[in-house]
């Protein structure tokens, strides 16, 4: 988010920035994994195992990133729940 925004800014969505950011990383990582799975199939259909392996590795990286963001989101939400709605970040 913009450096000009304060840490407790909720922006236009009413959602804390870090929550939105983590959800966004999860969404985009899973989208990347889904798209890359199609690239694997394309490469395999052409018989290009080098590219298929590369795309499999890229897919795994997207999946790892999504899993890590899920873990961070769970931790983050647990912390914010403990502070209540009026608490800071």
N, C-alpha and C. Protein backbone atom coordinates (compact mmCIF):
# COMPACT_ATOMS: atom_id res chain seq x y z
N UNK A 1 0.84 -1.18 0.00
CA UNK A 1 0.00 0.00 0.00
C UNK A 1 0.88 1.24 0.00
N UNK A 2 0.28 2.36 -0.19
CA UNK A 2 0.99 3.62 -0.27
C UNK A 2 1.72 3.92 1.03
N UNK A 3 2.93 4.49 0.91
CA UNK A 3 3.71 4.86 2.09
C UNK A 3 3.04 5.99 2.85
N UNK A 4 2.12 6.71 2.22
CA UNK A 4 1.45 7.83 2.86
C UNK A 4 0.32 7.38 3.78
N UNK A 5 -0.11 6.15 3.69
CA UNK A 5 -1.21 5.66 4.51
C UNK A 5 -0.69 5.29 5.88
N UNK A 6 -1.49 5.50 6.90
CA UNK A 6 -1.09 5.14 8.25
C UNK A 6 -1.23 3.63 8.43
N UNK A 7 -0.57 3.10 9.44
CA UNK A 7 -0.59 1.66 9.69
C UNK A 7 -1.98 1.15 10.03
N UNK A 8 -2.84 1.99 10.60
CA UNK A 8 -4.17 1.53 10.98
C UNK A 8 -5.23 1.91 9.95
N UNK A 9 -4.79 2.29 8.77
CA UNK A 9 -5.71 2.68 7.70
C UNK A 9 -6.48 1.47 7.20
N UNK A 10 -7.75 1.67 6.93
CA UNK A 10 -8.55 0.59 6.36
C UNK A 10 -8.88 0.85 4.91
N UNK A 11 -8.52 2.00 4.39
CA UNK A 11 -8.74 2.29 2.99
C UNK A 11 -10.21 2.25 2.61
N UNK A 12 -10.46 2.04 1.34
CA UNK A 12 -11.82 2.05 0.82
C UNK A 12 -12.59 0.77 1.15
N UNK A 13 -11.89 -0.30 1.48
CA UNK A 13 -12.56 -1.59 1.68
C UNK A 13 -13.05 -1.80 3.11
N UNK A 14 -12.57 -1.02 4.06
CA UNK A 14 -12.90 -1.25 5.45
C UNK A 14 -12.14 -2.43 6.03
N UNK A 15 -11.16 -2.92 5.29
CA UNK A 15 -10.36 -4.08 5.70
C UNK A 15 -8.96 -3.60 6.00
N UNK A 16 -8.39 -4.13 7.07
CA UNK A 16 -7.02 -3.77 7.42
C UNK A 16 -6.10 -4.11 6.26
N UNK A 17 -5.15 -3.28 5.98
CA UNK A 17 -4.27 -3.46 4.83
C UNK A 17 -3.57 -4.81 4.82
N UNK A 18 -3.00 -5.23 5.93
CA UNK A 18 -2.24 -6.48 5.94
C UNK A 18 -3.15 -7.67 5.69
N UNK A 19 -4.38 -7.62 6.18
CA UNK A 19 -5.33 -8.69 5.91
C UNK A 19 -5.61 -8.78 4.42
N UNK A 20 -5.93 -7.65 3.82
CA UNK A 20 -6.19 -7.58 2.38
C UNK A 20 -4.97 -8.06 1.60
N UNK A 21 -3.79 -7.60 2.01
CA UNK A 21 -2.57 -7.97 1.29
C UNK A 21 -2.33 -9.47 1.31
N UNK A 22 -2.50 -10.10 2.46
CA UNK A 22 -2.30 -11.54 2.55
C UNK A 22 -3.33 -12.30 1.73
N UNK A 23 -4.58 -11.88 1.80
CA UNK A 23 -5.63 -12.52 1.00
C UNK A 23 -5.30 -12.37 -0.49
N UNK A 24 -4.82 -11.22 -0.86
CA UNK A 24 -4.47 -10.97 -2.26
C UNK A 24 -3.32 -11.88 -2.71
N UNK A 25 -2.31 -12.04 -1.87
CA UNK A 25 -1.20 -12.93 -2.22
C UNK A 25 -1.70 -14.36 -2.36
N UNK A 26 -2.58 -14.79 -1.46
CA UNK A 26 -3.14 -16.14 -1.57
C UNK A 26 -3.88 -16.31 -2.89
N UNK A 27 -4.75 -15.36 -3.18
CA UNK A 27 -5.54 -15.44 -4.41
C UNK A 27 -4.65 -15.49 -5.65
N UNK A 28 -3.72 -14.55 -5.74
CA UNK A 28 -2.89 -14.47 -6.93
C UNK A 28 -1.93 -15.66 -7.05
N UNK A 29 -1.46 -16.17 -5.92
CA UNK A 29 -0.60 -17.35 -5.96
C UNK A 29 -1.37 -18.57 -6.45
N UNK A 30 -2.60 -18.73 -5.96
CA UNK A 30 -3.40 -19.87 -6.41
C UNK A 30 -3.81 -19.72 -7.88
N UNK A 31 -4.06 -18.50 -8.30
CA UNK A 31 -4.34 -18.26 -9.73
C UNK A 31 -3.11 -18.64 -10.56
N UNK A 32 -1.93 -18.25 -10.08
CA UNK A 32 -0.70 -18.59 -10.78
C UNK A 32 -0.49 -20.09 -10.87
N UNK A 33 -0.78 -20.79 -9.76
CA UNK A 33 -0.64 -22.25 -9.76
C UNK A 33 -1.61 -22.89 -10.75
N UNK A 34 -2.82 -22.38 -10.79
CA UNK A 34 -3.82 -22.93 -11.72
C UNK A 34 -3.41 -22.70 -13.17
N UNK A 35 -2.95 -21.49 -13.46
CA UNK A 35 -2.52 -21.16 -14.82
C UNK A 35 -1.30 -21.99 -15.22
N UNK A 36 -0.36 -22.12 -14.28
CA UNK A 36 0.85 -22.87 -14.58
C UNK A 36 0.55 -24.34 -14.81
N UNK A 37 -0.48 -24.88 -14.16
CA UNK A 37 -0.88 -26.26 -14.42
C UNK A 37 -1.27 -26.44 -15.89
N UNK A 38 -1.90 -25.43 -16.46
CA UNK A 38 -2.24 -25.50 -17.89
C UNK A 38 -0.97 -25.49 -18.74
N UNK A 39 0.05 -24.73 -18.30
CA UNK A 39 1.31 -24.69 -19.03
C UNK A 39 2.01 -26.05 -18.99
N UNK A 40 1.91 -26.74 -17.86
CA UNK A 40 2.47 -28.09 -17.75
C UNK A 40 1.82 -28.99 -18.80
N UNK A 41 0.50 -28.94 -18.85
CA UNK A 41 -0.23 -29.78 -19.82
C UNK A 41 0.16 -29.43 -21.25
N UNK A 42 0.31 -28.14 -21.54
CA UNK A 42 0.72 -27.73 -22.89
C UNK A 42 2.09 -28.30 -23.23
N UNK A 43 3.03 -28.17 -22.31
CA UNK A 43 4.39 -28.65 -22.56
C UNK A 43 4.41 -30.17 -22.73
N UNK A 44 3.64 -30.87 -21.89
CA UNK A 44 3.59 -32.33 -22.01
C UNK A 44 2.96 -32.75 -23.33
N UNK A 45 1.95 -32.02 -23.75
CA UNK A 45 1.29 -32.34 -25.03
C UNK A 45 2.27 -32.21 -26.19
N UNK A 46 3.17 -31.24 -26.08
CA UNK A 46 4.19 -31.05 -27.13
C UNK A 46 5.40 -31.96 -26.93
N UNK A 47 5.42 -32.69 -25.81
CA UNK A 47 6.54 -33.57 -25.55
C UNK A 47 7.78 -32.86 -25.06
N UNK A 48 7.63 -31.65 -24.55
CA UNK A 48 8.77 -30.87 -24.07
C UNK A 48 8.87 -31.04 -22.55
N UNK A 49 9.64 -32.05 -22.15
CA UNK A 49 9.74 -32.37 -20.72
C UNK A 49 10.53 -31.32 -19.93
N UNK A 50 11.49 -30.66 -20.57
CA UNK A 50 12.23 -29.60 -19.87
C UNK A 50 11.29 -28.47 -19.45
N UNK A 51 10.45 -28.04 -20.37
CA UNK A 51 9.50 -26.97 -20.05
C UNK A 51 8.44 -27.47 -19.06
N UNK A 52 7.98 -28.69 -19.23
CA UNK A 52 6.99 -29.25 -18.31
C UNK A 52 7.55 -29.26 -16.89
N UNK A 53 8.81 -29.67 -16.73
CA UNK A 53 9.43 -29.69 -15.40
C UNK A 53 9.56 -28.27 -14.85
N UNK A 54 9.96 -27.34 -15.68
CA UNK A 54 10.06 -25.94 -15.24
C UNK A 54 8.71 -25.44 -14.74
N UNK A 55 7.66 -25.72 -15.49
CA UNK A 55 6.32 -25.26 -15.10
C UNK A 55 5.85 -25.96 -13.82
N UNK A 56 6.20 -27.23 -13.65
CA UNK A 56 5.87 -27.92 -12.39
C UNK A 56 6.54 -27.24 -11.20
N UNK A 57 7.82 -26.88 -11.39
CA UNK A 57 8.55 -26.19 -10.32
C UNK A 57 7.91 -24.83 -10.02
N UNK A 58 7.54 -24.11 -11.06
CA UNK A 58 6.89 -22.81 -10.86
C UNK A 58 5.56 -22.98 -10.12
N UNK A 59 4.81 -24.00 -10.48
CA UNK A 59 3.53 -24.28 -9.82
C UNK A 59 3.75 -24.56 -8.34
N UNK A 60 4.77 -25.36 -8.03
CA UNK A 60 5.08 -25.66 -6.63
C UNK A 60 5.46 -24.40 -5.86
N UNK A 61 6.19 -23.49 -6.49
CA UNK A 61 6.55 -22.23 -5.84
C UNK A 61 5.30 -21.40 -5.53
N UNK A 62 4.38 -21.34 -6.48
CA UNK A 62 3.11 -20.63 -6.23
C UNK A 62 2.36 -21.26 -5.06
N UNK A 63 2.32 -22.59 -5.05
CA UNK A 63 1.60 -23.29 -3.97
C UNK A 63 2.25 -23.05 -2.62
N UNK A 64 3.59 -23.08 -2.58
CA UNK A 64 4.30 -22.81 -1.31
C UNK A 64 4.02 -21.39 -0.84
N UNK A 65 4.03 -20.45 -1.77
CA UNK A 65 3.76 -19.05 -1.42
C UNK A 65 2.34 -18.90 -0.87
N UNK A 66 1.37 -19.54 -1.49
CA UNK A 66 -0.01 -19.48 -1.01
C UNK A 66 -0.12 -20.10 0.37
N UNK A 67 0.53 -21.23 0.59
CA UNK A 67 0.49 -21.89 1.91
C UNK A 67 1.10 -21.01 2.98
N UNK A 68 2.23 -20.38 2.66
CA UNK A 68 2.89 -19.50 3.64
C UNK A 68 1.99 -18.30 3.96
N UNK A 69 1.37 -17.74 2.95
CA UNK A 69 0.47 -16.60 3.18
C UNK A 69 -0.73 -17.03 4.02
N UNK A 70 -1.23 -18.24 3.81
CA UNK A 70 -2.34 -18.75 4.63
C UNK A 70 -1.93 -18.86 6.09
N UNK A 71 -0.71 -19.37 6.31
CA UNK A 71 -0.21 -19.47 7.69
C UNK A 71 -0.11 -18.09 8.33
N UNK A 72 0.45 -17.15 7.60
CA UNK A 72 0.59 -15.79 8.12
C UNK A 72 -0.77 -15.14 8.37
N UNK A 73 -1.72 -15.39 7.48
CA UNK A 73 -3.06 -14.83 7.66
C UNK A 73 -3.72 -15.39 8.91
N UNK A 74 -3.58 -16.68 9.12
CA UNK A 74 -4.15 -17.30 10.32
C UNK A 74 -3.55 -16.68 11.58
N UNK A 75 -2.24 -16.53 11.59
CA UNK A 75 -1.57 -15.91 12.74
C UNK A 75 -2.02 -14.47 12.92
N UNK A 76 -2.05 -13.73 11.83
CA UNK A 76 -2.45 -12.33 11.87
C UNK A 76 -3.88 -12.16 12.38
N UNK A 77 -4.79 -12.97 11.87
CA UNK A 77 -6.18 -12.86 12.30
C UNK A 77 -6.33 -13.26 13.76
N UNK A 78 -5.55 -14.24 14.21
CA UNK A 78 -5.58 -14.62 15.61
C UNK A 78 -5.14 -13.49 16.52
N UNK A 79 -4.13 -12.76 16.09
CA UNK A 79 -3.65 -11.61 16.86
C UNK A 79 -4.67 -10.48 16.88
N UNK A 80 -5.30 -10.23 15.73
CA UNK A 80 -6.26 -9.13 15.69
C UNK A 80 -7.51 -9.48 16.46
N UNK A 81 -7.91 -10.76 16.49
CA UNK A 81 -9.07 -11.18 17.27
C UNK A 81 -8.79 -11.00 18.76
N UNK A 82 -7.57 -11.27 19.18
CA UNK A 82 -7.20 -11.14 20.57
C UNK A 82 -7.24 -9.71 21.07
N UNK A 83 -7.05 -8.76 20.17
CA UNK A 83 -7.05 -7.35 20.55
C UNK A 83 -8.42 -6.73 20.47
N UNK A 84 -9.36 -7.38 19.82
CA UNK A 84 -10.69 -6.81 19.64
C UNK A 84 -10.71 -5.83 18.50
N UNK A 85 -11.88 -5.40 18.14
CA UNK A 85 -12.05 -4.51 16.99
C UNK A 85 -11.40 -3.16 17.20
N UNK A 86 -11.28 -2.70 18.43
CA UNK A 86 -10.73 -1.36 18.68
C UNK A 86 -9.22 -1.37 18.78
N UNK A 87 -8.60 -2.56 18.79
CA UNK A 87 -7.15 -2.64 18.96
C UNK A 87 -6.39 -2.19 17.74
N UNK A 88 -5.12 -1.87 17.92
CA UNK A 88 -4.27 -1.46 16.82
C UNK A 88 -3.68 -2.66 16.14
N UNK A 89 -2.77 -2.41 15.16
CA UNK A 89 -2.13 -3.50 14.45
C UNK A 89 -1.17 -4.16 15.29
